[in-house]
Full PDB file with SEQRES, HELIX, SHEET, SSBOND, CRYST1, ORIGX, SCALE, CONECT and MASTER records, all heavy atoms in Angstrom:
SEQRES   1 A   29  PRO GLY PHE GLY THR GLY GLN LYS ASN THR ILE VAL ARG          
SEQRES   2 A   29  LEU ASP SER ASP TYR TYR VAL VAL SER ASN GLY LYS PRO          
SEQRES   3 A   29  GLU LYS PHE                                                  
SHEET    1 AA1 2 TYR A  19  SER A  22  0                                        
SHEET    2 AA1 2 LYS A  25  LYS A  28 -1                                        
CRYST1    1.000    1.000    1.000  90.00  90.00  90.00 P 1           1          
ORIGX1      1.000000  0.000000  0.000000        0.00000                         
ORIGX2      0.000000  1.000000  0.000000        0.00000                         
ORIGX3      0.000000  0.000000  1.000000        0.00000                         
SCALE1      1.000000  0.000000  0.000000        0.00000                         
SCALE2      0.000000  1.000000  0.000000        0.00000                         
SCALE3      0.000000  0.000000  1.000000        0.00000                         
ATOM      1  N   PRO A   1       4.999  25.188  -4.252  1.00  0.00           N  
ATOM      2  CA  PRO A   1       4.938  26.507  -3.577  1.00  0.00           C  
ATOM      3  C   PRO A   1       4.676  27.662  -4.563  1.00  0.00           C  
ATOM      4  O   PRO A   1       4.131  28.674  -4.197  1.00  0.00           O  
ATOM      5  CB  PRO A   1       6.345  26.612  -2.955  1.00  0.00           C  
ATOM      6  CG  PRO A   1       7.213  25.743  -3.757  1.00  0.00           C  
ATOM      7  CD  PRO A   1       6.315  24.622  -4.181  1.00  0.00           C  
ATOM      8  N   GLY A   2       5.019  27.449  -5.860  1.00  0.00           N  
ATOM      9  CA  GLY A   2       4.751  28.515  -6.811  1.00  0.00           C  
ATOM     10  C   GLY A   2       3.275  28.750  -7.023  1.00  0.00           C  
ATOM     11  O   GLY A   2       2.862  29.887  -7.243  1.00  0.00           O  
ATOM     12  N   PHE A   3       2.507  27.702  -6.970  1.00  0.00           N  
ATOM     13  CA  PHE A   3       1.085  27.810  -7.213  1.00  0.00           C  
ATOM     14  C   PHE A   3       0.279  27.670  -5.906  1.00  0.00           C  
ATOM     15  O   PHE A   3      -0.958  27.933  -5.861  1.00  0.00           O  
ATOM     16  CB  PHE A   3       0.583  26.776  -8.217  1.00  0.00           C  
ATOM     17  CG  PHE A   3       1.123  26.986  -9.579  1.00  0.00           C  
ATOM     18  CD1 PHE A   3       2.249  26.333 -10.014  1.00  0.00           C  
ATOM     19  CD2 PHE A   3       0.492  27.840 -10.455  1.00  0.00           C  
ATOM     20  CE1 PHE A   3       2.735  26.514 -11.315  1.00  0.00           C  
ATOM     21  CE2 PHE A   3       0.918  28.028 -11.765  1.00  0.00           C  
ATOM     22  CZ  PHE A   3       2.098  27.367 -12.162  1.00  0.00           C  
ATOM     23  N   GLY A   4       0.956  27.275  -4.844  1.00  0.00           N  
ATOM     24  CA  GLY A   4       0.264  27.078  -3.569  1.00  0.00           C  
ATOM     25  C   GLY A   4      -0.713  25.919  -3.581  1.00  0.00           C  
ATOM     26  O   GLY A   4      -1.714  25.956  -2.894  1.00  0.00           O  
ATOM     27  N   THR A   5      -0.418  24.921  -4.396  1.00  0.00           N  
ATOM     28  CA  THR A   5      -1.307  23.809  -4.527  1.00  0.00           C  
ATOM     29  C   THR A   5      -0.585  22.496  -4.160  1.00  0.00           C  
ATOM     30  O   THR A   5       0.607  22.419  -4.153  1.00  0.00           O  
ATOM     31  CB  THR A   5      -1.878  23.681  -5.970  1.00  0.00           C  
ATOM     32  OG1 THR A   5      -0.759  23.512  -6.856  1.00  0.00           O  
ATOM     33  CG2 THR A   5      -2.635  24.906  -6.321  1.00  0.00           C  
ATOM     34  N   GLY A   6      -1.379  21.486  -3.921  1.00  0.00           N  
ATOM     35  CA  GLY A   6      -0.790  20.152  -3.632  1.00  0.00           C  
ATOM     36  C   GLY A   6      -0.824  19.877  -2.105  1.00  0.00           C  
ATOM     37  O   GLY A   6      -1.302  20.648  -1.297  1.00  0.00           O  
ATOM     38  N   GLN A   7      -0.253  18.735  -1.774  1.00  0.00           N  
ATOM     39  CA  GLN A   7      -0.217  18.263  -0.424  1.00  0.00           C  
ATOM     40  C   GLN A   7       1.193  18.364   0.174  1.00  0.00           C  
ATOM     41  O   GLN A   7       2.121  17.911  -0.396  1.00  0.00           O  
ATOM     42  CB  GLN A   7      -0.700  16.798  -0.442  1.00  0.00           C  
ATOM     43  CG  GLN A   7      -0.671  16.097   0.906  1.00  0.00           C  
ATOM     44  CD  GLN A   7      -1.563  16.813   1.980  1.00  0.00           C  
ATOM     45  OE1 GLN A   7      -1.011  17.343   2.917  1.00  0.00           O  
ATOM     46  NE2 GLN A   7      -2.826  16.772   1.744  1.00  0.00           N  
ATOM     47  N   LYS A   8       1.232  19.018   1.359  1.00  0.00           N  
ATOM     48  CA  LYS A   8       2.530  19.181   2.020  1.00  0.00           C  
ATOM     49  C   LYS A   8       2.953  17.954   2.826  1.00  0.00           C  
ATOM     50  O   LYS A   8       4.126  17.784   3.106  1.00  0.00           O  
ATOM     51  CB  LYS A   8       2.452  20.401   2.949  1.00  0.00           C  
ATOM     52  CG  LYS A   8       2.342  21.719   2.231  1.00  0.00           C  
ATOM     53  CD  LYS A   8       2.342  22.876   3.275  1.00  0.00           C  
ATOM     54  CE  LYS A   8       2.238  24.213   2.592  1.00  0.00           C  
ATOM     55  NZ  LYS A   8       2.271  25.327   3.587  1.00  0.00           N  
ATOM     56  N   ASN A   9       1.970  17.163   3.223  1.00  0.00           N  
ATOM     57  CA  ASN A   9       2.260  16.003   4.077  1.00  0.00           C  
ATOM     58  C   ASN A   9       2.355  14.710   3.267  1.00  0.00           C  
ATOM     59  O   ASN A   9       1.778  14.577   2.232  1.00  0.00           O  
ATOM     60  CB  ASN A   9       1.147  15.857   5.134  1.00  0.00           C  
ATOM     61  CG  ASN A   9       1.098  17.043   6.074  1.00  0.00           C  
ATOM     62  OD1 ASN A   9       2.082  17.437   6.621  1.00  0.00           O  
ATOM     63  ND2 ASN A   9      -0.101  17.600   6.137  1.00  0.00           N  
ATOM     64  N   THR A  10       3.058  13.777   3.898  1.00  0.00           N  
ATOM     65  CA  THR A  10       3.038  12.381   3.390  1.00  0.00           C  
ATOM     66  C   THR A  10       1.724  11.726   3.858  1.00  0.00           C  
ATOM     67  O   THR A  10       1.387  11.845   5.022  1.00  0.00           O  
ATOM     68  CB  THR A  10       4.221  11.551   3.890  1.00  0.00           C  
ATOM     69  OG1 THR A  10       5.450  12.166   3.396  1.00  0.00           O  
ATOM     70  CG2 THR A  10       4.167  10.136   3.447  1.00  0.00           C  
ATOM     71  N   ILE A  11       1.060  11.116   2.926  1.00  0.00           N  
ATOM     72  CA  ILE A  11      -0.293  10.474   3.259  1.00  0.00           C  
ATOM     73  C   ILE A  11      -0.154   8.978   3.298  1.00  0.00           C  
ATOM     74  O   ILE A  11       0.394   8.375   2.342  1.00  0.00           O  
ATOM     75  CB  ILE A  11      -1.367  10.920   2.281  1.00  0.00           C  
ATOM     76  CG1 ILE A  11      -1.521  12.440   2.279  1.00  0.00           C  
ATOM     77  CG2 ILE A  11      -2.674  10.207   2.618  1.00  0.00           C  
ATOM     78  CD1 ILE A  11      -2.523  12.920   1.262  1.00  0.00           C  
ATOM     79  N   VAL A  12      -0.581   8.355   4.372  1.00  0.00           N  
ATOM     80  CA  VAL A  12      -0.499   6.893   4.521  1.00  0.00           C  
ATOM     81  C   VAL A  12      -1.914   6.379   4.510  1.00  0.00           C  
ATOM     82  O   VAL A  12      -2.821   6.830   5.208  1.00  0.00           O  
ATOM     83  CB  VAL A  12       0.192   6.518   5.862  1.00  0.00           C  
ATOM     84  CG1 VAL A  12       0.215   5.017   6.025  1.00  0.00           C  
ATOM     85  CG2 VAL A  12       1.586   7.085   5.863  1.00  0.00           C  
ATOM     86  N   ARG A  13      -2.122   5.270   3.749  1.00  0.00           N  
ATOM     87  CA  ARG A  13      -3.364   4.529   3.735  1.00  0.00           C  
ATOM     88  C   ARG A  13      -3.110   3.069   4.003  1.00  0.00           C  
ATOM     89  O   ARG A  13      -2.097   2.507   3.564  1.00  0.00           O  
ATOM     90  CB  ARG A  13      -4.086   4.707   2.364  1.00  0.00           C  
ATOM     91  CG  ARG A  13      -4.576   6.106   2.063  1.00  0.00           C  
ATOM     92  CD  ARG A  13      -5.783   6.429   2.948  1.00  0.00           C  
ATOM     93  NE  ARG A  13      -6.279   7.816   2.709  1.00  0.00           N  
ATOM     94  CZ  ARG A  13      -5.976   8.866   3.433  1.00  0.00           C  
ATOM     95  NH1 ARG A  13      -5.159   8.744   4.525  1.00  0.00           N  
ATOM     96  NH2 ARG A  13      -6.463  10.064   3.183  1.00  0.00           N  
ATOM     97  N   LEU A  14      -3.954   2.450   4.776  1.00  0.00           N  
ATOM     98  CA  LEU A  14      -3.823   1.001   5.041  1.00  0.00           C  
ATOM     99  C   LEU A  14      -4.183   0.209   3.847  1.00  0.00           C  
ATOM    100  O   LEU A  14      -5.266   0.415   3.278  1.00  0.00           O  
ATOM    101  CB  LEU A  14      -4.682   0.644   6.266  1.00  0.00           C  
ATOM    102  CG  LEU A  14      -4.540  -0.799   6.757  1.00  0.00           C  
ATOM    103  CD1 LEU A  14      -3.150  -1.037   7.287  1.00  0.00           C  
ATOM    104  CD2 LEU A  14      -5.614  -1.082   7.844  1.00  0.00           C  
ATOM    105  N   ASP A  15      -3.326  -0.716   3.451  1.00  0.00           N  
ATOM    106  CA  ASP A  15      -3.558  -1.597   2.327  1.00  0.00           C  
ATOM    107  C   ASP A  15      -3.377  -3.027   2.760  1.00  0.00           C  
ATOM    108  O   ASP A  15      -2.729  -3.284   3.769  1.00  0.00           O  
ATOM    109  CB  ASP A  15      -2.657  -1.233   1.174  1.00  0.00           C  
ATOM    110  CG  ASP A  15      -3.132  -1.747  -0.194  1.00  0.00           C  
ATOM    111  OD1 ASP A  15      -4.220  -2.301  -0.238  1.00  0.00           O  
ATOM    112  OD2 ASP A  15      -2.404  -1.600  -1.193  1.00  0.00           O  
ATOM    113  N   SER A  16      -3.877  -3.980   1.997  1.00  0.00           N  
ATOM    114  CA  SER A  16      -3.698  -5.398   2.373  1.00  0.00           C  
ATOM    115  C   SER A  16      -3.822  -6.259   1.147  1.00  0.00           C  
ATOM    116  O   SER A  16      -4.400  -5.882   0.143  1.00  0.00           O  
ATOM    117  CB  SER A  16      -4.718  -5.829   3.443  1.00  0.00           C  
ATOM    118  OG  SER A  16      -6.042  -5.625   2.909  1.00  0.00           O  
ATOM    119  N   ASP A  17      -3.283  -7.480   1.299  1.00  0.00           N  
ATOM    120  CA  ASP A  17      -3.374  -8.504   0.247  1.00  0.00           C  
ATOM    121  C   ASP A  17      -3.611  -9.807   0.899  1.00  0.00           C  
ATOM    122  O   ASP A  17      -3.144 -10.068   2.046  1.00  0.00           O  
ATOM    123  CB  ASP A  17      -2.097  -8.591  -0.564  1.00  0.00           C  
ATOM    124  CG  ASP A  17      -1.779  -7.391  -1.395  1.00  0.00           C  
ATOM    125  OD1 ASP A  17      -2.691  -6.991  -2.170  1.00  0.00           O  
ATOM    126  OD2 ASP A  17      -0.663  -6.806  -1.290  1.00  0.00           O  
ATOM    127  N   TYR A  18      -4.404 -10.688   0.255  1.00  0.00           N  
ATOM    128  CA  TYR A  18      -4.581 -12.070   0.753  1.00  0.00           C  
ATOM    129  C   TYR A  18      -3.481 -12.965   0.139  1.00  0.00           C  
ATOM    130  O   TYR A  18      -3.055 -12.801  -1.022  1.00  0.00           O  
ATOM    131  CB  TYR A  18      -5.954 -12.590   0.328  1.00  0.00           C  
ATOM    132  CG  TYR A  18      -7.124 -11.920   0.921  1.00  0.00           C  
ATOM    133  CD1 TYR A  18      -7.986 -11.143   0.166  1.00  0.00           C  
ATOM    134  CD2 TYR A  18      -7.430 -12.068   2.319  1.00  0.00           C  
ATOM    135  CE1 TYR A  18      -9.083 -10.523   0.702  1.00  0.00           C  
ATOM    136  CE2 TYR A  18      -8.478 -11.421   2.870  1.00  0.00           C  
ATOM    137  CZ  TYR A  18      -9.364 -10.677   2.040  1.00  0.00           C  
ATOM    138  OH  TYR A  18     -10.468 -10.044   2.571  1.00  0.00           O  
ATOM    139  N   TYR A  19      -3.029 -13.925   0.931  1.00  0.00           N  
ATOM    140  CA  TYR A  19      -2.125 -15.009   0.474  1.00  0.00           C  
ATOM    141  C   TYR A  19      -2.622 -16.315   0.965  1.00  0.00           C  
ATOM    142  O   TYR A  19      -3.185 -16.406   2.048  1.00  0.00           O  
ATOM    143  CB  TYR A  19      -0.715 -14.743   0.989  1.00  0.00           C  
ATOM    144  CG  TYR A  19       0.026 -13.572   0.347  1.00  0.00           C  
ATOM    145  CD1 TYR A  19      -0.164 -12.316   0.839  1.00  0.00           C  
ATOM    146  CD2 TYR A  19       0.925 -13.790  -0.726  1.00  0.00           C  
ATOM    147  CE1 TYR A  19       0.525 -11.223   0.262  1.00  0.00           C  
ATOM    148  CE2 TYR A  19       1.578 -12.737  -1.313  1.00  0.00           C  
ATOM    149  CZ  TYR A  19       1.368 -11.444  -0.769  1.00  0.00           C  
ATOM    150  OH  TYR A  19       2.081 -10.392  -1.382  1.00  0.00           O  
ATOM    151  N   VAL A  20      -2.411 -17.348   0.152  1.00  0.00           N  
ATOM    152  CA  VAL A  20      -2.711 -18.692   0.556  1.00  0.00           C  
ATOM    153  C   VAL A  20      -1.372 -19.410   0.683  1.00  0.00           C  
ATOM    154  O   VAL A  20      -0.552 -19.418  -0.206  1.00  0.00           O  
ATOM    155  CB  VAL A  20      -3.610 -19.431  -0.424  1.00  0.00           C  
ATOM    156  CG1 VAL A  20      -3.744 -20.912  -0.055  1.00  0.00           C  
ATOM    157  CG2 VAL A  20      -4.969 -18.804  -0.510  1.00  0.00           C  
ATOM    158  N   VAL A  21      -1.098 -20.008   1.872  1.00  0.00           N  
ATOM    159  CA  VAL A  21       0.132 -20.670   2.104  1.00  0.00           C  
ATOM    160  C   VAL A  21      -0.125 -22.186   2.095  1.00  0.00           C  
ATOM    161  O   VAL A  21      -0.928 -22.700   2.884  1.00  0.00           O  
ATOM    162  CB  VAL A  21       0.770 -20.284   3.465  1.00  0.00           C  
ATOM    163  CG1 VAL A  21       2.126 -20.978   3.679  1.00  0.00           C  
ATOM    164  CG2 VAL A  21       0.936 -18.784   3.600  1.00  0.00           C  
ATOM    165  N   SER A  22       0.585 -22.868   1.122  1.00  0.00           N  
ATOM    166  CA  SER A  22       0.386 -24.326   0.981  1.00  0.00           C  
ATOM    167  C   SER A  22       1.803 -24.945   0.926  1.00  0.00           C  
ATOM    168  O   SER A  22       2.624 -24.533   0.095  1.00  0.00           O  
ATOM    169  CB  SER A  22      -0.428 -24.673  -0.223  1.00  0.00           C  
ATOM    170  OG  SER A  22      -0.497 -26.055  -0.450  1.00  0.00           O  
ATOM    171  N   ASN A  23       2.028 -25.902   1.755  1.00  0.00           N  
ATOM    172  CA  ASN A  23       3.378 -26.587   1.825  1.00  0.00           C  
ATOM    173  C   ASN A  23       4.508 -25.559   2.028  1.00  0.00           C  
ATOM    174  O   ASN A  23       5.564 -25.680   1.425  1.00  0.00           O  
ATOM    175  CB  ASN A  23       3.594 -27.404   0.517  1.00  0.00           C  
ATOM    176  CG  ASN A  23       2.629 -28.535   0.370  1.00  0.00           C  
ATOM    177  OD1 ASN A  23       2.283 -29.191   1.317  1.00  0.00           O  
ATOM    178  ND2 ASN A  23       2.188 -28.776  -0.852  1.00  0.00           N  
ATOM    179  N   GLY A  24       4.179 -24.538   2.797  1.00  0.00           N  
ATOM    180  CA  GLY A  24       5.195 -23.546   3.153  1.00  0.00           C  
ATOM    181  C   GLY A  24       5.407 -22.493   2.067  1.00  0.00           C  
ATOM    182  O   GLY A  24       6.254 -21.637   2.278  1.00  0.00           O  
ATOM    183  N   LYS A  25       4.661 -22.516   0.994  1.00  0.00           N  
ATOM    184  CA  LYS A  25       4.820 -21.580  -0.084  1.00  0.00           C  
ATOM    185  C   LYS A  25       3.624 -20.676  -0.195  1.00  0.00           C  
ATOM    186  O   LYS A  25       2.461 -21.137  -0.315  1.00  0.00           O  
ATOM    187  CB  LYS A  25       5.002 -22.320  -1.386  1.00  0.00           C  
ATOM    188  CG  LYS A  25       6.312 -23.158  -1.470  1.00  0.00           C  
ATOM    189  CD  LYS A  25       6.407 -23.831  -2.858  1.00  0.00           C  
ATOM    190  CE  LYS A  25       7.717 -24.699  -2.926  1.00  0.00           C  
ATOM    191  NZ  LYS A  25       7.830 -25.391  -4.214  1.00  0.00           N  
ATOM    192  N   PRO A  26       3.852 -19.331  -0.183  1.00  0.00           N  
ATOM    193  CA  PRO A  26       2.756 -18.415  -0.281  1.00  0.00           C  
ATOM    194  C   PRO A  26       2.457 -18.041  -1.728  1.00  0.00           C  
ATOM    195  O   PRO A  26       3.323 -17.904  -2.564  1.00  0.00           O  
ATOM    196  CB  PRO A  26       3.247 -17.165   0.495  1.00  0.00           C  
ATOM    197  CG  PRO A  26       4.725 -17.194   0.202  1.00  0.00           C  
ATOM    198  CD  PRO A  26       5.127 -18.646   0.071  1.00  0.00           C  
ATOM    199  N   GLU A  27       1.145 -17.894  -2.025  1.00  0.00           N  
ATOM    200  CA  GLU A  27       0.708 -17.379  -3.312  1.00  0.00           C  
ATOM    201  C   GLU A  27      -0.278 -16.282  -3.106  1.00  0.00           C  
ATOM    202  O   GLU A  27      -1.254 -16.468  -2.341  1.00  0.00           O  
ATOM    203  CB  GLU A  27       0.112 -18.507  -4.169  1.00  0.00           C  
ATOM    204  CG  GLU A  27       1.132 -19.494  -4.732  1.00  0.00           C  
ATOM    205  CD  GLU A  27       0.596 -20.427  -5.764  1.00  0.00           C  
ATOM    206  OE1 GLU A  27      -0.486 -20.112  -6.310  1.00  0.00           O  
ATOM    207  OE2 GLU A  27       1.217 -21.464  -6.074  1.00  0.00           O  
ATOM    208  N   LYS A  28      -0.101 -15.216  -3.817  1.00  0.00           N  
ATOM    209  CA  LYS A  28      -1.116 -14.101  -3.689  1.00  0.00           C  
ATOM    210  C   LYS A  28      -2.446 -14.586  -4.202  1.00  0.00           C  
ATOM    211  O   LYS A  28      -2.536 -15.315  -5.183  1.00  0.00           O  
ATOM    212  CB  LYS A  28      -0.622 -12.906  -4.518  1.00  0.00           C  
ATOM    213  CG  LYS A  28      -1.287 -11.568  -4.151  1.00  0.00           C  
ATOM    214  CD  LYS A  28      -0.602 -10.429  -4.837  1.00  0.00           C  
ATOM    215  CE  LYS A  28      -1.207  -9.109  -4.387  1.00  0.00           C  
ATOM    216  NZ  LYS A  28      -0.471  -7.961  -5.028  1.00  0.00           N  
ATOM    217  N   PHE A  29      -3.483 -14.176  -3.453  1.00  0.00           N  
ATOM    218  CA  PHE A  29      -4.788 -14.722  -3.716  1.00  0.00           C  
ATOM    219  C   PHE A  29      -5.796 -13.554  -3.966  1.00  0.00           C  
ATOM    220  O   PHE A  29      -6.008 -12.704  -3.093  1.00  0.00           O  
ATOM    221  CB  PHE A  29      -5.261 -15.565  -2.501  1.00  0.00           C  
ATOM    222  CG  PHE A  29      -6.575 -16.189  -2.643  1.00  0.00           C  
ATOM    223  CD1 PHE A  29      -6.811 -17.304  -3.409  1.00  0.00           C  
ATOM    224  CD2 PHE A  29      -7.705 -15.642  -1.996  1.00  0.00           C  
ATOM    225  CE1 PHE A  29      -8.075 -17.883  -3.567  1.00  0.00           C  
ATOM    226  CE2 PHE A  29      -8.976 -16.215  -2.068  1.00  0.00           C  
ATOM    227  CZ  PHE A  29      -9.141 -17.347  -2.899  1.00  0.00           C  
TER     228      PHE A  29                                                      
MASTER        0    0    0    0    2    0    0    6  227    1    0    3          
END                                                                             
């Protein structure tokens, strides 16, 4: 507020990761 700069809102972006599940165990891919 002192400089009147920056973002007042929380910003949400969609992100994702791939995983491979083998024998019930996930590994990031």
